[in-house]
Protein backbone atom coordinates (compact mmCIF):
# COMPACT_ATOMS: atom_id res chain seq x y z
CA UNK A 1 10.66 9.21 -1.11
CA UNK A 2 8.25 9.80 -3.97
CA UNK A 3 7.66 7.70 -7.04
CA UNK A 4 5.52 4.94 -8.52
CA UNK A 5 3.16 2.47 -6.93
CA UNK A 6 3.98 -0.23 -4.38
CA UNK A 7 2.43 -3.67 -4.67
CA UNK A 8 2.91 -5.99 -1.70
CA UNK A 9 2.30 -9.74 -1.80
CA UNK A 10 2.58 -11.48 1.57
CA UNK A 11 1.70 -14.99 2.67
CA UNK A 12 2.88 -17.92 4.72
CA UNK A 13 5.76 -19.79 3.12
CA UNK A 14 4.42 -22.30 0.57
CA UNK A 15 1.23 -20.36 -0.27
CA UNK A 16 2.34 -19.73 -3.85
CA UNK A 17 2.95 -15.98 -3.62
CA UNK A 18 6.31 -16.25 -5.42
CA UNK A 19 4.62 -17.98 -8.38
CA UNK A 20 2.02 -15.21 -8.50
CA UNK A 21 4.65 -12.45 -8.29
CA UNK A 22 6.70 -14.05 -11.11
CA UNK A 23 3.58 -14.17 -13.29
CA UNK A 24 2.84 -10.48 -12.63
CA UNK A 25 6.43 -9.52 -13.47
CA UNK A 26 6.00 -11.18 -16.87
CA UNK A 27 3.01 -8.91 -17.66
CA UNK A 28 4.72 -5.98 -19.39
CA UNK A 29 1.66 -3.70 -19.31
CA UNK A 30 1.86 -3.58 -15.50
CA UNK A 31 5.36 -1.98 -15.63
CA UNK A 32 6.60 -3.82 -12.53
CA UNK A 33 10.07 -4.37 -11.13
CA UNK A 34 10.86 -6.80 -8.31
CA UNK A 35 12.10 -5.38 -5.01
CA UNK A 36 15.06 -7.51 -3.94
CA UNK A 37 15.13 -7.97 -0.17
CA UNK A 38 18.29 -7.96 1.89
CA UNK A 39 18.89 -10.92 4.23
CA UNK A 40 21.47 -11.97 6.77
CA UNK A 41 20.97 -15.68 6.01
CA UNK A 42 23.15 -17.74 3.70
CA UNK A 43 22.01 -18.50 0.12
CA UNK A 44 19.91 -21.66 -0.36
CA UNK A 45 20.22 -23.94 -3.37
CA UNK A 46 21.02 -21.92 -6.50
CA UNK A 47 20.00 -18.52 -5.09
CA UNK A 48 22.11 -15.67 -6.44
CA UNK A 49 23.18 -12.45 -4.75
CA UNK A 50 21.57 -9.37 -6.29
CA UNK A 51 18.91 -11.49 -8.05
CA UNK A 52 17.10 -13.49 -5.36
CA UNK A 53 18.33 -11.47 -2.37
CA UNK A 54 21.10 -9.14 -1.34
CA UNK A 55 23.04 -11.49 0.94
CA UNK A 56 24.78 -9.42 3.60
CA UNK A 57 26.45 -10.36 6.89
CA UNK A 58 24.60 -10.08 10.19
CA UNK A 59 27.03 -7.31 11.18
CA UNK A 60 26.32 -5.35 7.96
CA UNK A 61 22.58 -5.84 8.39
CA UNK A 62 22.69 -4.42 11.92
CA UNK A 63 24.75 -1.48 10.69
CA UNK A 64 22.04 -0.68 8.09
CA UNK A 65 19.38 -0.97 10.82
CA UNK A 66 21.23 1.54 13.02
CA UNK A 67 21.63 3.87 10.04
CA UNK A 68 17.89 3.87 9.30
CA UNK A 69 18.56 2.50 5.80
CA UNK A 70 15.60 0.10 5.78
CA UNK A 71 12.03 0.81 4.75
CA UNK A 72 11.12 -2.24 6.84
CA UNK A 73 13.01 -5.11 8.46
CA UNK A 74 12.25 -8.08 10.64
CA UNK A 75 14.04 -10.84 12.51
CA UNK A 76 12.09 -13.74 11.01
CA UNK A 77 13.98 -16.43 12.92
CA UNK A 78 16.85 -15.97 15.44
CA UNK A 79 19.66 -13.99 13.72
CA UNK A 80 17.82 -14.42 10.40
CA UNK A 81 16.97 -10.88 9.32
CA UNK A 82 15.12 -9.76 6.20
CA UNK A 83 14.46 -6.21 5.08
CA UNK A 84 13.86 -3.75 2.25
CA UNK A 85 16.56 -1.14 1.71
CA UNK A 86 15.25 2.34 0.86
CA UNK A 87 17.82 2.49 -1.95
CA UNK A 88 16.15 -0.54 -3.60
CA UNK A 89 12.77 1.21 -3.89
CA UNK A 90 14.48 4.42 -5.07
CA UNK A 91 16.38 2.41 -7.72
CA UNK A 92 13.10 1.03 -9.14
CA UNK A 93 11.24 4.35 -8.98
CA UNK A 94 14.16 6.00 -10.81
CA UNK A 95 13.51 3.51 -13.65
CA UNK A 96 9.92 4.83 -13.82
CA UNK A 97 8.49 1.48 -12.68
CA UNK A 98 6.10 0.25 -10.00
CA UNK A 99 7.61 -1.82 -7.19
CA UNK A 100 6.37 -5.34 -6.42
CA UNK A 101 7.30 -7.03 -3.13
CA UNK A 102 7.27 -10.71 -2.17
CA UNK A 103 7.71 -10.32 1.58
CA UNK A 104 6.77 -11.44 5.05
CA UNK A 105 3.39 -10.28 6.43
CA UNK A 106 4.99 -8.02 9.06
CA UNK A 107 7.11 -6.24 6.44
CA UNK A 108 4.16 -6.00 4.06
CA UNK A 109 1.97 -4.30 6.66
CA UNK A 110 4.80 -1.90 7.61
CA UNK A 111 5.08 -0.74 3.99
CA UNK A 112 1.29 -0.31 3.82
CA UNK A 113 1.38 1.86 6.97
CA UNK A 114 4.24 4.02 5.64
CA UNK A 115 2.72 4.50 2.17
CA UNK A 116 -1.05 4.00 2.60
CA UNK A 117 -2.06 5.67 -0.68
CA UNK A 118 0.61 4.18 -2.96
CA UNK A 119 0.44 0.63 -1.61
CA UNK A 120 -1.78 -2.28 -2.62
CA UNK A 121 -1.34 -5.00 0.02
CA UNK A 122 -2.46 -8.49 -0.98
CA UNK A 123 -2.48 -11.56 1.25
CA UNK A 124 -2.23 -14.96 -0.48
CA UNK A 125 -4.01 -17.60 1.54
CA UNK A 126 -3.43 -21.33 1.03
CA UNK A 127 -6.55 -23.55 1.00
CA UNK A 128 -5.54 -24.94 4.44
CA UNK A 129 -2.62 -25.42 6.82
CA UNK A 130 -2.60 -29.13 5.86
CA UNK A 131 -2.18 -28.22 2.19
CA UNK A 132 0.62 -25.86 3.16
CA UNK A 133 2.46 -28.68 4.93
CA UNK A 134 2.14 -30.88 1.82
CA UNK A 135 3.53 -28.09 -0.41
CA UNK A 136 6.48 -27.43 1.92
CA UNK A 137 7.36 -31.14 2.11
CA UNK A 138 7.22 -31.41 -1.71
CA UNK A 139 9.90 -28.70 -1.99
CA UNK A 140 12.41 -30.98 -0.22
CA UNK A 141 14.54 -27.94 0.71
CA UNK A 142 14.17 -28.03 4.50
CA UNK A 143 14.20 -30.39 7.47
CA UNK A 144 10.98 -31.52 9.19
CA UNK A 145 11.91 -29.29 12.12
CA UNK A 146 12.16 -26.23 9.84
CA UNK A 147 8.85 -27.15 8.16
CA UNK A 148 7.14 -27.41 11.55
CA UNK A 149 8.51 -23.96 12.47
CA UNK A 150 7.06 -22.57 9.23
CA UNK A 151 3.68 -24.20 9.89
CA UNK A 152 3.53 -22.74 13.41
CA UNK A 153 4.41 -19.31 11.97
CA UNK A 154 1.80 -19.74 9.19
CA UNK A 155 -1.06 -20.00 11.71
CA UNK A 156 -0.01 -16.65 13.22
CA UNK A 157 0.41 -15.08 9.76
CA UNK A 158 -3.02 -16.22 8.57
CA UNK A 159 -4.56 -14.28 11.46
CA UNK A 160 -3.18 -11.03 9.95
CA UNK A 161 -4.99 -11.54 6.60
CA UNK A 162 -7.89 -9.14 7.41
CA UNK A 163 -5.38 -6.25 7.76
CA UNK A 164 -4.54 -6.49 4.04
CA UNK A 165 -6.47 -4.73 1.25
CA UNK A 166 -7.34 -8.03 -0.46
CA UNK A 167 -7.11 -11.75 0.22
CA UNK A 168 -6.51 -14.13 -2.68
CA UNK A 169 -7.35 -17.77 -2.00
CA UNK A 170 -4.73 -19.79 -3.87
CA UNK A 171 -6.67 -22.98 -4.44
CA UNK A 172 -6.74 -23.04 -8.25
CA UNK A 173 -3.56 -21.32 -9.46
CA UNK A 174 -5.02 -20.01 -12.77
CA UNK A 175 -7.80 -18.23 -10.87
CA UNK A 176 -5.36 -16.76 -8.35
CA UNK A 177 -3.12 -15.44 -11.16
CA UNK A 178 -6.06 -13.80 -12.93
CA UNK A 179 -7.37 -12.23 -9.73
CA UNK A 180 -3.89 -10.89 -8.85
CA UNK A 181 -3.43 -9.41 -12.33
CA UNK A 182 -6.82 -7.65 -12.20
CA UNK A 183 -6.16 -6.20 -8.72
CA UNK A 184 -2.74 -4.84 -9.68
CA UNK A 185 -4.00 -3.35 -12.98
CA UNK A 186 -6.90 -1.61 -11.17
CA UNK A 187 -4.57 -0.23 -8.46
CA UNK A 188 -2.15 1.24 -11.01
CA UNK A 189 -4.97 2.69 -13.17
CA UNK A 190 -6.83 4.16 -10.16
CA UNK A 191 -3.74 5.91 -8.84
CA UNK A 192 -2.77 7.21 -12.27
CA UNK A 193 -6.26 8.70 -12.67
CA UNK A 194 -6.13 10.47 -9.31
CA UNK A 195 -2.73 11.99 -10.17
CA UNK A 196 -4.08 13.33 -13.47
CA UNK A 197 -7.02 14.92 -11.64
CA UNK A 198 -4.76 16.76 -9.15
């Protein structure tokens, strides 16, 4: 696999990484395309197949795993798998675009390990676990039990932050958006320069 740049945004659920990624996608000069993850879970709310996720059955997901079709995958919760299909990255690179990911910390670090030069890995940190709980409750999309599971997972995920290239503290959203935009622009420019020098 050879192509454009890979930009990974990972964070605990509720940190605001999706808001940041959407902002970056709207910046045409960055030439980004969103990598749609595959998942074995059912759609939530108004999520659409092929836009938010590729919704596939657990059986199909396991078949892809056996076939080595994933760049990375993880069982996030029991029988709830998420992963990035190699064909998805190839699809975006064939368009001549850079790939941006909004994925779990484990998946993000796997991509960084596989493509160390091409990948910019950014961790979005919420101001605190308490703030995270408030944000998740405000969403009103999950039960208290699910929220508590996410909070427990968030503490583990926050410990992985130092393994990323950069940490963005999402306290004031405008500042986080600006910082993210600058980091991505520098990464793309730096890699383009080194290719021209080769």
